[in-house]
Amino acid sequence: MAASPRRTDLDEQQLIEKHIDLDYDRYPYRRAGVWLRKSGASVWAIVMFLDMYGGDREEIAHHFDISQEEIDAALAYYRRNKKYVDARITLEEA
């Protein structure tokens, strides 16, 4: 499994804006509940399953039918909103 190259903050912001629906008011969990625009997969689920699959990005891409770029966008969003997304994951695991 090859890791994606590290992106700059501007690159990450552009990825987030391209792939993540940032209309927080649409989600009951606000920042913690955002989804990918194209697939509708939630960022928290991608992060949770990535951990469950031991970081296997190919398995995540297959499971959610998403691209590696969408995974990069979800992870960039997660890095910037970790406390919110982690709280959402905790709710799911409870």
PDB file of N, CA and C in Angstrom:
ATOM      1  N   MET A   1       0.850  -1.182   0.000  1.00  0.00           N
ATOM      2  CA  MET A   1       0.000   0.000   0.000  1.00  0.00           C
ATOM      3  C   MET A   1       0.889   1.235   0.000  1.00  0.00           C
ATOM      4  N   ALA A   2       0.804   2.040  -1.013  1.00  0.00           N
ATOM      5  CA  ALA A   2       1.602   3.256  -1.108  1.00  0.00           C
ATOM      6  C   ALA A   2       0.858   4.408  -0.451  1.00  0.00           C
ATOM      7  N   ALA A   3       1.574   5.161   0.356  1.00  0.00           N
ATOM      8  CA  ALA A   3       0.979   6.320   1.013  1.00  0.00           C
ATOM      9  C   ALA A   3       0.882   7.465   0.015  1.00  0.00           C
ATOM     10  N   SER A   4      -0.128   8.290   0.162  1.00  0.00           N
ATOM     11  CA  SER A   4      -0.260   9.457  -0.690  1.00  0.00           C
ATOM     12  C   SER A   4       0.781  10.481  -0.276  1.00  0.00           C
ATOM     13  N   PRO A   5       1.299  11.250  -1.237  1.00  0.00           N
ATOM     14  CA  PRO A   5       2.273  12.279  -0.880  1.00  0.00           C
ATOM     15  C   PRO A   5       1.630  13.332   0.016  1.00  0.00           C
ATOM     16  N   ARG A   6       2.421  13.898   0.914  1.00  0.00           N
ATOM     17  CA  ARG A   6       1.914  14.931   1.827  1.00  0.00           C
ATOM     18  C   ARG A   6       1.526  16.163   1.023  1.00  0.00           C
ATOM     19  N   ARG A   7       0.372  16.673   1.278  1.00  0.00           N
ATOM     20  CA  ARG A   7      -0.133  17.842   0.560  1.00  0.00           C
ATOM     21  C   ARG A   7       0.059  19.091   1.410  1.00  0.00           C
ATOM     22  N   THR A   8       0.109  20.233   0.750  1.00  0.00           N
ATOM     23  CA  THR A   8       0.202  21.499   1.466  1.00  0.00           C
ATOM     24  C   THR A   8      -1.169  21.828   2.047  1.00  0.00           C
ATOM     25  N   ASP A   9      -1.198  22.801   2.954  1.00  0.00           N
ATOM     26  CA  ASP A   9      -2.477  23.226   3.531  1.00  0.00           C
ATOM     27  C   ASP A   9      -3.436  23.718   2.452  1.00  0.00           C
ATOM     28  N   LEU A  10      -2.918  24.433   1.463  1.00  0.00           N
ATOM     29  CA  LEU A  10      -3.770  24.932   0.377  1.00  0.00           C
ATOM     30  C   LEU A  10      -4.304  23.766  -0.451  1.00  0.00           C
ATOM     31  N   ASP A  11      -3.438  22.800  -0.770  1.00  0.00           N
ATOM     32  CA  ASP A  11      -3.889  21.613  -1.504  1.00  0.00           C
ATOM     33  C   ASP A  11      -4.987  20.894  -0.733  1.00  0.00           C
ATOM     34  N   GLU A  12      -4.789  20.731   0.565  1.00  0.00           N
ATOM     35  CA  GLU A  12      -5.787  20.043   1.390  1.00  0.00           C
ATOM     36  C   GLU A  12      -7.099  20.815   1.409  1.00  0.00           C
ATOM     37  N   GLN A  13      -7.033  22.131   1.539  1.00  0.00           N
ATOM     38  CA  GLN A  13      -8.254  22.931   1.557  1.00  0.00           C
ATOM     39  C   GLN A  13      -9.005  22.795   0.239  1.00  0.00           C
ATOM     40  N   GLN A  14      -8.275  22.796  -0.870  1.00  0.00           N
ATOM     41  CA  GLN A  14      -8.916  22.628  -2.177  1.00  0.00           C
ATOM     42  C   GLN A  14      -9.553  21.251  -2.311  1.00  0.00           C
ATOM     43  N   LEU A  15      -8.888  20.217  -1.797  1.00  0.00           N
ATOM     44  CA  LEU A  15      -9.463  18.865  -1.803  1.00  0.00           C
ATOM     45  C   LEU A  15     -10.743  18.819  -0.990  1.00  0.00           C
ATOM     46  N   ILE A  16     -10.697  19.407   0.185  1.00  0.00           N
ATOM     47  CA  ILE A  16     -11.871  19.435   1.064  1.00  0.00           C
ATOM     48  C   ILE A  16     -13.029  20.129   0.355  1.00  0.00           C
ATOM     49  N   GLU A  17     -12.772  21.293  -0.198  1.00  0.00           N
ATOM     50  CA  GLU A  17     -13.830  22.046  -0.874  1.00  0.00           C
ATOM     51  C   GLU A  17     -14.373  21.315  -2.094  1.00  0.00           C
ATOM     52  N   LYS A  18     -13.531  20.557  -2.762  1.00  0.00           N
ATOM     53  CA  LYS A  18     -13.952  19.811  -3.951  1.00  0.00           C
ATOM     54  C   LYS A  18     -14.831  18.612  -3.599  1.00  0.00           C
ATOM     55  N   HIS A  19     -14.484  17.904  -2.520  1.00  0.00           N
ATOM     56  CA  HIS A  19     -15.127  16.618  -2.252  1.00  0.00           C
ATOM     57  C   HIS A  19     -16.051  16.565  -1.036  1.00  0.00           C
ATOM     58  N   ILE A  20     -15.929  17.501  -0.120  1.00  0.00           N
ATOM     59  CA  ILE A  20     -16.714  17.437   1.118  1.00  0.00           C
ATOM     60  C   ILE A  20     -17.834  18.469   1.064  1.00  0.00           C
ATOM     61  N   ASP A  21     -19.039  18.048   1.389  1.00  0.00           N
ATOM     62  CA  ASP A  21     -20.173  18.974   1.490  1.00  0.00           C
ATOM     63  C   ASP A  21     -20.029  19.705   2.820  1.00  0.00           C
ATOM     64  N   LEU A  22     -19.674  20.977   2.760  1.00  0.00           N
ATOM     65  CA  LEU A  22     -19.398  21.753   3.971  1.00  0.00           C
ATOM     66  C   LEU A  22     -20.605  22.536   4.474  1.00  0.00           C
ATOM     67  N   ASP A  23     -21.785  22.210   4.012  1.00  0.00           N
ATOM     68  CA  ASP A  23     -23.002  22.876   4.478  1.00  0.00           C
ATOM     69  C   ASP A  23     -23.409  22.249   5.816  1.00  0.00           C
ATOM     70  N   TYR A  24     -22.713  22.650   6.874  1.00  0.00           N
ATOM     71  CA  TYR A  24     -22.889  22.049   8.203  1.00  0.00           C
ATOM     72  C   TYR A  24     -24.334  22.068   8.691  1.00  0.00           C
ATOM     73  N   ASP A  25     -25.084  23.081   8.307  1.00  0.00           N
ATOM     74  CA  ASP A  25     -26.451  23.210   8.810  1.00  0.00           C
ATOM     75  C   ASP A  25     -27.355  22.070   8.340  1.00  0.00           C
ATOM     76  N   ARG A  26     -26.939  21.345   7.308  1.00  0.00           N
ATOM     77  CA  ARG A  26     -27.747  20.235   6.785  1.00  0.00           C
ATOM     78  C   ARG A  26     -27.614  18.971   7.623  1.00  0.00           C
ATOM     79  N   TYR A  27     -26.640  18.934   8.494  1.00  0.00           N
ATOM     80  CA  TYR A  27     -26.333  17.699   9.216  1.00  0.00           C
ATOM     81  C   TYR A  27     -26.696  17.833  10.691  1.00  0.00           C
ATOM     82  N   PRO A  28     -27.337  16.823  11.243  1.00  0.00           N
ATOM     83  CA  PRO A  28     -27.689  16.901  12.660  1.00  0.00           C
ATOM     84  C   PRO A  28     -26.455  16.966  13.569  1.00  0.00           C
ATOM     85  N   TYR A  29     -25.340  16.431  13.118  1.00  0.00           N
ATOM     86  CA  TYR A  29     -24.125  16.447  13.935  1.00  0.00           C
ATOM     87  C   TYR A  29     -23.158  17.535  13.484  1.00  0.00           C
ATOM     88  N   ARG A  30     -23.647  18.459  12.668  1.00  0.00           N
ATOM     89  CA  ARG A  30     -22.865  19.601  12.193  1.00  0.00           C
ATOM     90  C   ARG A  30     -21.511  19.179  11.636  1.00  0.00           C
ATOM     91  N   ARG A  31     -20.409  19.717  12.117  1.00  0.00           N
ATOM     92  CA  ARG A  31     -19.073  19.403  11.581  1.00  0.00           C
ATOM     93  C   ARG A  31     -18.731  17.925  11.681  1.00  0.00           C
ATOM     94  N   ALA A  32     -19.301  17.241  12.623  1.00  0.00           N
ATOM     95  CA  ALA A  32     -18.987  15.826  12.838  1.00  0.00           C
ATOM     96  C   ALA A  32     -19.700  14.909  11.846  1.00  0.00           C
ATOM     97  N   GLY A  33     -20.666  15.437  11.111  1.00  0.00           N
ATOM     98  CA  GLY A  33     -21.483  14.575  10.268  1.00  0.00           C
ATOM     99  C   GLY A  33     -21.385  14.822   8.780  1.00  0.00           C
ATOM    100  N   VAL A  34     -20.349  15.514   8.329  1.00  0.00           N
ATOM    101  CA  VAL A  34     -20.273  15.851   6.900  1.00  0.00           C
ATOM    102  C   VAL A  34     -20.026  14.619   6.037  1.00  0.00           C
ATOM    103  N   TRP A  35     -20.417  14.748   4.771  1.00  0.00           N
ATOM    104  CA  TRP A  35     -20.341  13.646   3.808  1.00  0.00           C
ATOM    105  C   TRP A  35     -19.532  14.050   2.588  1.00  0.00           C
ATOM    106  N   LEU A  36     -19.085  13.043   1.863  1.00  0.00           N
ATOM    107  CA  LEU A  36     -18.488  13.279   0.548  1.00  0.00           C
ATOM    108  C   LEU A  36     -19.610  13.654  -0.412  1.00  0.00           C
ATOM    109  N   ARG A  37     -19.361  14.615  -1.256  1.00  0.00           N
ATOM    110  CA  ARG A  37     -20.388  15.107  -2.194  1.00  0.00           C
ATOM    111  C   ARG A  37     -20.889  14.013  -3.143  1.00  0.00           C
ATOM    112  N   LYS A  38     -19.971  13.312  -3.785  1.00  0.00           N
ATOM    113  CA  LYS A  38     -20.344  12.370  -4.845  1.00  0.00           C
ATOM    114  C   LYS A  38     -20.991  11.096  -4.304  1.00  0.00           C
ATOM    115  N   SER A  39     -20.374  10.476  -3.333  1.00  0.00           N
ATOM    116  CA  SER A  39     -20.837   9.164  -2.866  1.00  0.00           C
ATOM    117  C   SER A  39     -21.813   9.232  -1.699  1.00  0.00           C
ATOM    118  N   GLY A  40     -21.766  10.321  -0.937  1.00  0.00           N
ATOM    119  CA  GLY A  40     -22.597  10.404   0.252  1.00  0.00           C
ATOM    120  C   GLY A  40     -22.010   9.665   1.452  1.00  0.00           C
ATOM    121  N   ALA A  41     -20.797   9.148   1.317  1.00  0.00           N
ATOM    122  CA  ALA A  41     -20.136   8.480   2.453  1.00  0.00           C
ATOM    123  C   ALA A  41     -19.751   9.531   3.478  1.00  0.00           C
ATOM    124  N   SER A  42     -19.966   9.223   4.741  1.00  0.00           N
ATOM    125  CA  SER A  42     -19.629  10.188   5.787  1.00  0.00           C
ATOM    126  C   SER A  42     -18.151  10.086   6.148  1.00  0.00           C
ATOM    127  N   VAL A  43     -17.583  11.238   6.498  1.00  0.00           N
ATOM    128  CA  VAL A  43     -16.174  11.285   6.874  1.00  0.00           C
ATOM    129  C   VAL A  43     -15.927  10.401   8.088  1.00  0.00           C
ATOM    130  N   TRP A  44     -16.815  10.446   9.076  1.00  0.00           N
ATOM    131  CA  TRP A  44     -16.579   9.653  10.285  1.00  0.00           C
ATOM    132  C   TRP A  44     -16.549   8.158   9.962  1.00  0.00           C
ATOM    133  N   ALA A  45     -17.397   7.716   9.034  1.00  0.00           N
ATOM    134  CA  ALA A  45     -17.417   6.288   8.682  1.00  0.00           C
ATOM    135  C   ALA A  45     -16.133   5.895   7.956  1.00  0.00           C
ATOM    136  N   ILE A  46     -15.660   6.752   7.077  1.00  0.00           N
ATOM    137  CA  ILE A  46     -14.404   6.464   6.380  1.00  0.00           C
ATOM    138  C   ILE A  46     -13.272   6.334   7.378  1.00  0.00           C
ATOM    139  N   VAL A  47     -13.193   7.257   8.316  1.00  0.00           N
ATOM    140  CA  VAL A  47     -12.133   7.222   9.336  1.00  0.00           C
ATOM    141  C   VAL A  47     -12.269   5.969  10.197  1.00  0.00           C
ATOM    142  N   MET A  48     -13.478   5.653  10.618  1.00  0.00           N
ATOM    143  CA  MET A  48     -13.710   4.491  11.468  1.00  0.00           C
ATOM    144  C   MET A  48     -13.347   3.196  10.736  1.00  0.00           C
ATOM    145  N   PHE A  49     -13.782   3.062   9.494  1.00  0.00           N
ATOM    146  CA  PHE A  49     -13.491   1.852   8.733  1.00  0.00           C
ATOM    147  C   PHE A  49     -12.018   1.755   8.365  1.00  0.00           C
ATOM    148  N   LEU A  50     -11.376   2.879   8.137  1.00  0.00           N
ATOM    149  CA  LEU A  50      -9.944   2.864   7.855  1.00  0.00           C
ATOM    150  C   LEU A  50      -9.190   2.252   9.034  1.00  0.00           C
ATOM    151  N   ASP A  51      -9.611   2.600  10.224  1.00  0.00           N
ATOM    152  CA  ASP A  51      -9.008   2.010  11.422  1.00  0.00           C
ATOM    153  C   ASP A  51      -9.339   0.515  11.497  1.00  0.00           C
ATOM    154  N   MET A  52     -10.586   0.158  11.219  1.00  0.00           N
ATOM    155  CA  MET A  52     -11.001  -1.247  11.273  1.00  0.00           C
ATOM    156  C   MET A  52     -10.260  -2.108  10.251  1.00  0.00           C
ATOM    157  N   TYR A  53      -9.972  -1.527   9.075  1.00  0.00           N
ATOM    158  CA  TYR A  53      -9.278  -2.251   8.013  1.00  0.00           C
ATOM    159  C   TYR A  53      -7.760  -2.090   8.097  1.00  0.00           C
ATOM    160  N   GLY A  54      -7.264  -1.608   9.225  1.00  0.00           N
ATOM    161  CA  GLY A  54      -5.828  -1.496   9.425  1.00  0.00           C
ATOM    162  C   GLY A  54      -5.147  -0.530   8.474  1.00  0.00           C
ATOM    163  N   GLY A  55      -5.863   0.514   8.062  1.00  0.00           N
ATOM    164  CA  GLY A  55      -5.288   1.527   7.190  1.00  0.00           C
ATOM    165  C   GLY A  55      -5.267   1.159   5.713  1.00  0.00           C
ATOM    166  N   ASP A  56      -5.931   0.081   5.342  1.00  0.00           N
ATOM    167  CA  ASP A  56      -5.930  -0.383   3.951  1.00  0.00           C
ATOM    168  C   ASP A  56      -6.817   0.522   3.090  1.00  0.00           C
ATOM    169  N   ARG A  57      -6.198   1.463   2.417  1.00  0.00           N
ATOM    170  CA  ARG A  57      -6.925   2.446   1.610  1.00  0.00           C
ATOM    171  C   ARG A  57      -7.640   1.800   0.425  1.00  0.00           C
ATOM    172  N   GLU A  58      -7.059   0.760  -0.146  1.00  0.00           N
ATOM    173  CA  GLU A  58      -7.713   0.076  -1.271  1.00  0.00           C
ATOM    174  C   GLU A  58      -9.027  -0.563  -0.808  1.00  0.00           C
ATOM    175  N   GLU A  59      -9.009  -1.153   0.357  1.00  0.00           N
ATOM    176  CA  GLU A  59     -10.223  -1.772   0.908  1.00  0.00           C
ATOM    177  C   GLU A  59     -11.291  -0.706   1.178  1.00  0.00           C
ATOM    178  N   ILE A  60     -10.876   0.436   1.700  1.00  0.00           N
ATOM    179  CA  ILE A  60     -11.817   1.537   1.954  1.00  0.00           C
ATOM    180  C   ILE A  60     -12.406   2.045   0.639  1.00  0.00           C
ATOM    181  N   ALA A  61     -11.544   2.235  -0.356  1.00  0.00           N
ATOM    182  CA  ALA A  61     -12.020   2.705  -1.661  1.00  0.00           C
ATOM    183  C   ALA A  61     -13.052   1.736  -2.229  1.00  0.00           C
ATOM    184  N   HIS A  62     -12.781   0.453  -2.103  1.00  0.00           N
ATOM    185  CA  HIS A  62     -13.712  -0.560  -2.595  1.00  0.00           C
ATOM    186  C   HIS A  62     -15.001  -0.575  -1.760  1.00  0.00           C
ATOM    187  N   HIS A  63     -14.858  -0.561  -0.448  1.00  0.00           N
ATOM    188  CA  HIS A  63     -16.017  -0.636   0.454  1.00  0.00           C
ATOM    189  C   HIS A  63     -17.008   0.511   0.199  1.00  0.00           C
ATOM    190  N   PHE A  64     -16.476   1.727   0.046  1.00  0.00           N
ATOM    191  CA  PHE A  64     -17.342   2.896  -0.124  1.00  0.00           C
ATOM    192  C   PHE A  64     -17.515   3.308  -1.586  1.00  0.00           C
ATOM    193  N   ASP A  65     -16.831   2.609  -2.499  1.00  0.00           N
ATOM    194  CA  ASP A  65     -16.848   2.949  -3.915  1.00  0.00           C
ATOM    195  C   ASP A  65     -16.444   4.409  -4.123  1.00  0.00           C
ATOM    196  N   ILE A  66     -15.263   4.758  -3.582  1.00  0.00           N
ATOM    197  CA  ILE A  66     -14.734   6.110  -3.675  1.00  0.00           C
ATOM    198  C   ILE A  66     -13.296   6.068  -4.182  1.00  0.00           C
ATOM    199  N   SER A  67     -12.820   7.218  -4.608  1.00  0.00           N
ATOM    200  CA  SER A  67     -11.453   7.329  -5.133  1.00  0.00           C
ATOM    201  C   SER A  67     -10.452   7.588  -4.003  1.00  0.00           C
ATOM    202  N   GLN A  68      -9.190   7.398  -4.330  1.00  0.00           N
ATOM    203  CA  GLN A  68      -8.135   7.716  -3.370  1.00  0.00           C
ATOM    204  C   GLN A  68      -8.138   9.213  -3.046  1.00  0.00           C
ATOM    205  N   GLU A  69      -8.453  10.035  -4.027  1.00  0.00           N
ATOM    206  CA  GLU A  69      -8.528  11.479  -3.783  1.00  0.00           C
ATOM    207  C   GLU A  69      -9.636  11.812  -2.788  1.00  0.00           C
ATOM    208  N   GLU A  70     -10.763  11.096  -2.864  1.00  0.00           N
ATOM    209  CA  GLU A  70     -11.845  11.315  -1.895  1.00  0.00           C
ATOM    210  C   GLU A  70     -11.416  10.876  -0.501  1.00  0.00           C
ATOM    211  N   ILE A  71     -10.643   9.806  -0.421  1.00  0.00           N
ATOM    212  CA  ILE A  71     -10.100   9.387   0.880  1.00  0.00           C
ATOM    213  C   ILE A  71      -9.172  10.471   1.406  1.00  0.00           C
ATOM    214  N   ASP A  72      -8.321  11.001   0.544  1.00  0.00           N
ATOM    215  CA  ASP A  72      -7.420  12.095   0.949  1.00  0.00           C
ATOM    216  C   ASP A  72      -8.214  13.287   1.471  1.00  0.00           C
ATOM    217  N   ALA A  73      -9.309  13.619   0.789  1.00  0.00           N
ATOM    218  CA  ALA A  73     -10.143  14.748   1.218  1.00  0.00           C
ATOM    219  C   ALA A  73     -10.770  14.466   2.582  1.00  0.00           C
ATOM    220  N   ALA A  74     -11.282  13.256   2.770  1.00  0.00           N
ATOM    221  CA  ALA A  74     -11.887  12.892   4.057  1.00  0.00           C
ATOM    222  C   ALA A  74     -10.852  12.963   5.168  1.00  0.00           C
ATOM    223  N   LEU A  75      -9.657  12.484   4.924  1.00  0.00           N
ATOM    224  CA  LEU A  75      -8.606  12.506   5.946  1.00  0.00           C
ATOM    225  C   LEU A  75      -8.103  13.923   6.213  1.00  0.00           C
ATOM    226  N   ALA A  76      -8.061  14.754   5.188  1.00  0.00           N
ATOM    227  CA  ALA A  76      -7.676  16.154   5.385  1.00  0.00           C
ATOM    228  C   ALA A  76      -8.728  16.856   6.261  1.00  0.00           C
ATOM    229  N   TYR A  77     -10.002  16.602   5.954  1.00  0.00           N
ATOM    230  CA  TYR A  77     -11.074  17.177   6.778  1.00  0.00           C
ATOM    231  C   TYR A  77     -10.958  16.669   8.213  1.00  0.00           C
ATOM    232  N   TYR A  78     -10.703  15.392   8.353  1.00  0.00           N
ATOM    233  CA  TYR A  78     -10.567  14.793   9.681  1.00  0.00           C
ATOM    234  C   TYR A  78      -9.432  15.455  10.468  1.00  0.00           C
ATOM    235  N   ARG A  79      -8.289  15.659   9.861  1.00  0.00           N
ATOM    236  CA  ARG A  79      -7.169  16.294  10.561  1.00  0.00           C
ATOM    237  C   ARG A  79      -7.550  17.676  11.075  1.00  0.00           C
ATOM    238  N   ARG A  80      -8.371  18.370  10.330  1.00  0.00           N
ATOM    239  CA  ARG A  80      -8.764  19.730  10.721  1.00  0.00           C
ATOM    240  C   ARG A  80      -9.933  19.762  11.706  1.00  0.00           C
ATOM    241  N   ASN A  81     -10.652  18.669  11.814  1.00  0.00           N
ATOM    242  CA  ASN A  81     -11.860  18.627  12.660  1.00  0.00           C
ATOM    243  C   ASN A  81     -11.878  17.377  13.528  1.00  0.00           C
ATOM    244  N   LYS A  82     -10.719  16.961  13.962  1.00  0.00           N
ATOM    245  CA  LYS A  82     -10.549  15.688  14.657  1.00  0.00           C
ATOM    246  C   LYS A  82     -11.463  15.547  15.879  1.00  0.00           C
ATOM    247  N   LYS A  83     -11.543  16.562  16.705  1.00  0.00           N
ATOM    248  CA  LYS A  83     -12.347  16.425  17.928  1.00  0.00           C
ATOM    249  C   LYS A  83     -13.829  16.194  17.620  1.00  0.00           C
ATOM    250  N   TYR A  84     -14.324  16.816  16.565  1.00  0.00           N
ATOM    251  CA  TYR A  84     -15.732  16.635  16.202  1.00  0.00           C
ATOM    252  C   TYR A  84     -15.982  15.239  15.624  1.00  0.00           C
ATOM    253  N   VAL A  85     -15.125  14.843  14.713  1.00  0.00           N
ATOM    254  CA  VAL A  85     -15.288  13.539  14.065  1.00  0.00           C
ATOM    255  C   VAL A  85     -15.073  12.412  15.071  1.00  0.00           C
ATOM    256  N   ASP A  86     -14.065  12.546  15.925  1.00  0.00           N
ATOM    257  CA  ASP A  86     -13.839  11.523  16.956  1.00  0.00           C
ATOM    258  C   ASP A  86     -15.042  11.399  17.895  1.00  0.00           C
ATOM    259  N   ALA A  87     -15.673  12.517  18.218  1.00  0.00           N
ATOM    260  CA  ALA A  87     -16.869  12.474  19.065  1.00  0.00           C
ATOM    261  C   ALA A  87     -17.991  11.717  18.367  1.00  0.00           C
ATOM    262  N   ARG A  88     -18.136  11.929  17.069  1.00  0.00           N
ATOM    263  CA  ARG A  88     -19.172  11.217  16.298  1.00  0.00           C
ATOM    264  C   ARG A  88     -18.888   9.719  16.255  1.00  0.00           C
ATOM    265  N   ILE A  89     -17.633   9.351  16.088  1.00  0.00           N
ATOM    266  CA  ILE A  89     -17.249   7.948  16.095  1.00  0.00           C
ATOM    267  C   ILE A  89     -17.547   7.323  17.455  1.00  0.00           C
ATOM    268  N   THR A  90     -17.270   8.055  18.504  1.00  0.00           N
ATOM    269  CA  THR A  90     -17.557   7.568  19.860  1.00  0.00           C
ATOM    270  C   THR A  90     -19.040   7.303  20.029  1.00  0.00           C
ATOM    271  N   LEU A  91     -19.884   8.180  19.494  1.00  0.00           N
ATOM    272  CA  LEU A  91     -21.329   7.964  19.567  1.00  0.00           C
ATOM    273  C   LEU A  91     -21.743   6.686  18.830  1.00  0.00           C
ATOM    274  N   GLU A  92     -21.132   6.434  17.690  1.00  0.00           N
ATOM    275  CA  GLU A  92     -21.457   5.231  16.926  1.00  0.00           C
ATOM    276  C   GLU A  92     -21.031   3.967  17.651  1.00  0.00           C
ATOM    277  N   GLU A  93     -19.909   4.038  18.355  1.00  0.00           N
ATOM    278  CA  GLU A  93     -19.376   2.871  19.034  1.00  0.00           C
ATOM    279  C   GLU A  93     -20.084   2.586  20.354  1.00  0.00           C
ATOM    280  N   ALA A  94     -20.825   3.572  20.861  1.00  0.00           N
ATOM    281  CA  ALA A  94     -21.490   3.424  22.167  1.00  0.00           C
ATOM    282  C   ALA A  94     -22.664   2.450  22.082  1.00  0.00           C
TER     283      ALA A  94
END
